[in-house]
Amino acid sequence: MLLVTGPSEIISATKTALANHPEFKLSKKEFSTVTLTCTGSTSPEITEQVIDVLEKASVSTHKIMISAMSITVLIDSSARKEALQALHRLI
């Protein structure tokens, strides 16, 4: 699986370019990523807080990517606003 994120015009152009490519299958599902930047993001407690907050907001996470300074969650694009509002409560 290859995940590509970016501004909507870039995603649209990428979809058009790959639509008939024999080696790529595009998902019909629209996803979005939300990234939290913080120190200590590799701490299991912070990841657990993020998951708990999103679950309470009824936002399903499809994938969680953790780096030294950030946590990125892959969610349905329709849930982006709810995820942002829920995660801002962690500030």
C-alpha atoms as a PDB file:
ATOM      1  CA  MET A   1       0.000   0.000   0.000  1.00  0.00           C
ATOM      2  CA  LEU A   2       1.228   3.443  -0.920  1.00  0.00           C
ATOM      3  CA  LEU A   3      -0.259   6.422   0.890  1.00  0.00           C
ATOM      4  CA  VAL A   4       0.039   9.823  -0.766  1.00  0.00           C
ATOM      5  CA  THR A   5      -0.971  12.977   1.048  1.00  0.00           C
ATOM      6  CA  GLY A   6      -0.993  16.560  -0.074  1.00  0.00           C
ATOM      7  CA  PRO A   7      -3.205  19.443  -1.122  1.00  0.00           C
ATOM      8  CA  SER A   8      -6.433  18.423  -2.859  1.00  0.00           C
ATOM      9  CA  GLU A   9      -5.278  19.690  -6.270  1.00  0.00           C
ATOM     10  CA  ILE A  10      -2.146  17.489  -6.081  1.00  0.00           C
ATOM     11  CA  ILE A  11      -4.189  14.450  -5.020  1.00  0.00           C
ATOM     12  CA  SER A  12      -6.668  15.071  -7.841  1.00  0.00           C
ATOM     13  CA  ALA A  13      -3.879  15.322 -10.421  1.00  0.00           C
ATOM     14  CA  THR A  14      -2.234  12.161  -9.047  1.00  0.00           C
ATOM     15  CA  LYS A  15      -5.519  10.245  -9.245  1.00  0.00           C
ATOM     16  CA  THR A  16      -6.030  11.358 -12.845  1.00  0.00           C
ATOM     17  CA  ALA A  17      -2.492  10.361 -13.814  1.00  0.00           C
ATOM     18  CA  LEU A  18      -2.783   6.916 -12.209  1.00  0.00           C
ATOM     19  CA  ALA A  19      -6.420   6.139 -13.062  1.00  0.00           C
ATOM     20  CA  ASN A  20      -5.614   3.850 -15.989  1.00  0.00           C
ATOM     21  CA  HIS A  21      -2.175   2.686 -14.905  1.00  0.00           C
ATOM     22  CA  PRO A  22      -2.021  -1.125 -14.995  1.00  0.00           C
ATOM     23  CA  GLU A  23       0.160  -1.436 -11.882  1.00  0.00           C
ATOM     24  CA  PHE A  24      -1.834   0.826  -9.548  1.00  0.00           C
ATOM     25  CA  LYS A  25      -5.223   0.287  -7.998  1.00  0.00           C
ATOM     26  CA  LEU A  26      -6.731   3.408  -6.486  1.00  0.00           C
ATOM     27  CA  SER A  27      -8.945   3.123  -3.448  1.00  0.00           C
ATOM     28  CA  LYS A  28     -12.386   4.664  -3.798  1.00  0.00           C
ATOM     29  CA  LYS A  29     -12.272   5.539  -0.110  1.00  0.00           C
ATOM     30  CA  GLU A  30     -11.071   9.045   0.723  1.00  0.00           C
ATOM     31  CA  PHE A  31      -8.608   9.279   3.597  1.00  0.00           C
ATOM     32  CA  SER A  32      -7.057  12.141   5.512  1.00  0.00           C
ATOM     33  CA  THR A  33      -4.090  12.405   7.833  1.00  0.00           C
ATOM     34  CA  VAL A  34      -3.862  14.449  10.985  1.00  0.00           C
ATOM     35  CA  THR A  35      -0.454  15.002  12.543  1.00  0.00           C
ATOM     36  CA  LEU A  36       0.259  15.950  16.136  1.00  0.00           C
ATOM     37  CA  THR A  37       3.706  17.417  16.702  1.00  0.00           C
ATOM     38  CA  CYS A  38       5.059  17.053  20.205  1.00  0.00           C
ATOM     39  CA  THR A  39       8.043  15.933  22.216  1.00  0.00           C
ATOM     40  CA  GLY A  40       7.721  12.477  23.686  1.00  0.00           C
ATOM     41  CA  SER A  41       5.507  11.210  20.875  1.00  0.00           C
ATOM     42  CA  THR A  42       7.170   7.801  21.085  1.00  0.00           C
ATOM     43  CA  SER A  43       5.771   7.437  24.601  1.00  0.00           C
ATOM     44  CA  PRO A  44       3.031   4.777  24.711  1.00  0.00           C
ATOM     45  CA  GLU A  45       0.979   7.024  26.989  1.00  0.00           C
ATOM     46  CA  ILE A  46       0.704   9.801  24.414  1.00  0.00           C
ATOM     47  CA  THR A  47      -0.295   7.369  21.676  1.00  0.00           C
ATOM     48  CA  GLU A  48      -2.895   5.879  24.016  1.00  0.00           C
ATOM     49  CA  GLN A  49      -4.288   9.359  24.750  1.00  0.00           C
ATOM     50  CA  VAL A  50      -4.613  10.073  21.031  1.00  0.00           C
ATOM     51  CA  ILE A  51      -6.419   6.780  20.397  1.00  0.00           C
ATOM     52  CA  ASP A  52      -8.736   7.312  23.391  1.00  0.00           C
ATOM     53  CA  VAL A  53      -9.649  10.854  22.347  1.00  0.00           C
ATOM     54  CA  LEU A  54     -10.429   9.763  18.800  1.00  0.00           C
ATOM     55  CA  GLU A  55     -12.462   6.754  19.956  1.00  0.00           C
ATOM     56  CA  LYS A  56     -14.548   8.991  22.252  1.00  0.00           C
ATOM     57  CA  ALA A  57     -15.203  11.256  19.260  1.00  0.00           C
ATOM     58  CA  SER A  58     -16.234   8.179  17.202  1.00  0.00           C
ATOM     59  CA  VAL A  59     -13.318   8.653  14.802  1.00  0.00           C
ATOM     60  CA  SER A  60     -11.875   5.399  13.478  1.00  0.00           C
ATOM     61  CA  THR A  61      -8.140   5.273  12.876  1.00  0.00           C
ATOM     62  CA  HIS A  62      -6.930   3.117   9.996  1.00  0.00           C
ATOM     63  CA  LYS A  63      -3.228   3.548  10.694  1.00  0.00           C
ATOM     64  CA  ILE A  64      -0.996   5.303  13.210  1.00  0.00           C
ATOM     65  CA  MET A  65       2.504   6.417  12.266  1.00  0.00           C
ATOM     66  CA  ILE A  66       4.882   7.511  15.016  1.00  0.00           C
ATOM     67  CA  SER A  67       8.163   9.380  14.665  1.00  0.00           C
ATOM     68  CA  ALA A  68      10.454  11.045  17.178  1.00  0.00           C
ATOM     69  CA  MET A  69       8.512  14.326  17.126  1.00  0.00           C
ATOM     70  CA  SER A  70       5.054  13.471  15.782  1.00  0.00           C
ATOM     71  CA  ILE A  71       2.102  11.113  15.653  1.00  0.00           C
ATOM     72  CA  THR A  72       0.144  10.894  12.399  1.00  0.00           C
ATOM     73  CA  VAL A  73      -3.232   9.180  12.198  1.00  0.00           C
ATOM     74  CA  LEU A  74      -4.896   8.003   8.994  1.00  0.00           C
ATOM     75  CA  ILE A  75      -8.655   8.541   9.181  1.00  0.00           C
ATOM     76  CA  ASP A  76     -11.655   8.800   6.879  1.00  0.00           C
ATOM     77  CA  SER A  77     -11.628  12.225   5.251  1.00  0.00           C
ATOM     78  CA  SER A  78     -15.227  12.745   6.371  1.00  0.00           C
ATOM     79  CA  ALA A  79     -14.041  12.600  10.018  1.00  0.00           C
ATOM     80  CA  ARG A  80     -11.244  15.156   9.697  1.00  0.00           C
ATOM     81  CA  LYS A  81     -13.100  18.049  11.353  1.00  0.00           C
ATOM     82  CA  GLU A  82     -14.213  15.886  14.290  1.00  0.00           C
ATOM     83  CA  ALA A  83     -10.674  14.528  14.715  1.00  0.00           C
ATOM     84  CA  LEU A  84      -9.125  18.008  14.744  1.00  0.00           C
ATOM     85  CA  GLN A  85     -11.643  19.275  17.281  1.00  0.00           C
ATOM     86  CA  ALA A  86     -11.154  16.216  19.518  1.00  0.00           C
ATOM     87  CA  LEU A  87      -7.352  16.307  19.351  1.00  0.00           C
ATOM     88  CA  HIS A  88      -7.198  20.031  20.160  1.00  0.00           C
ATOM     89  CA  ARG A  89      -8.537  19.081  23.597  1.00  0.00           C
ATOM     90  CA  LEU A  90      -5.124  17.490  24.300  1.00  0.00           C
ATOM     91  CA  ILE A  91      -3.412  20.892  24.128  1.00  0.00           C
END
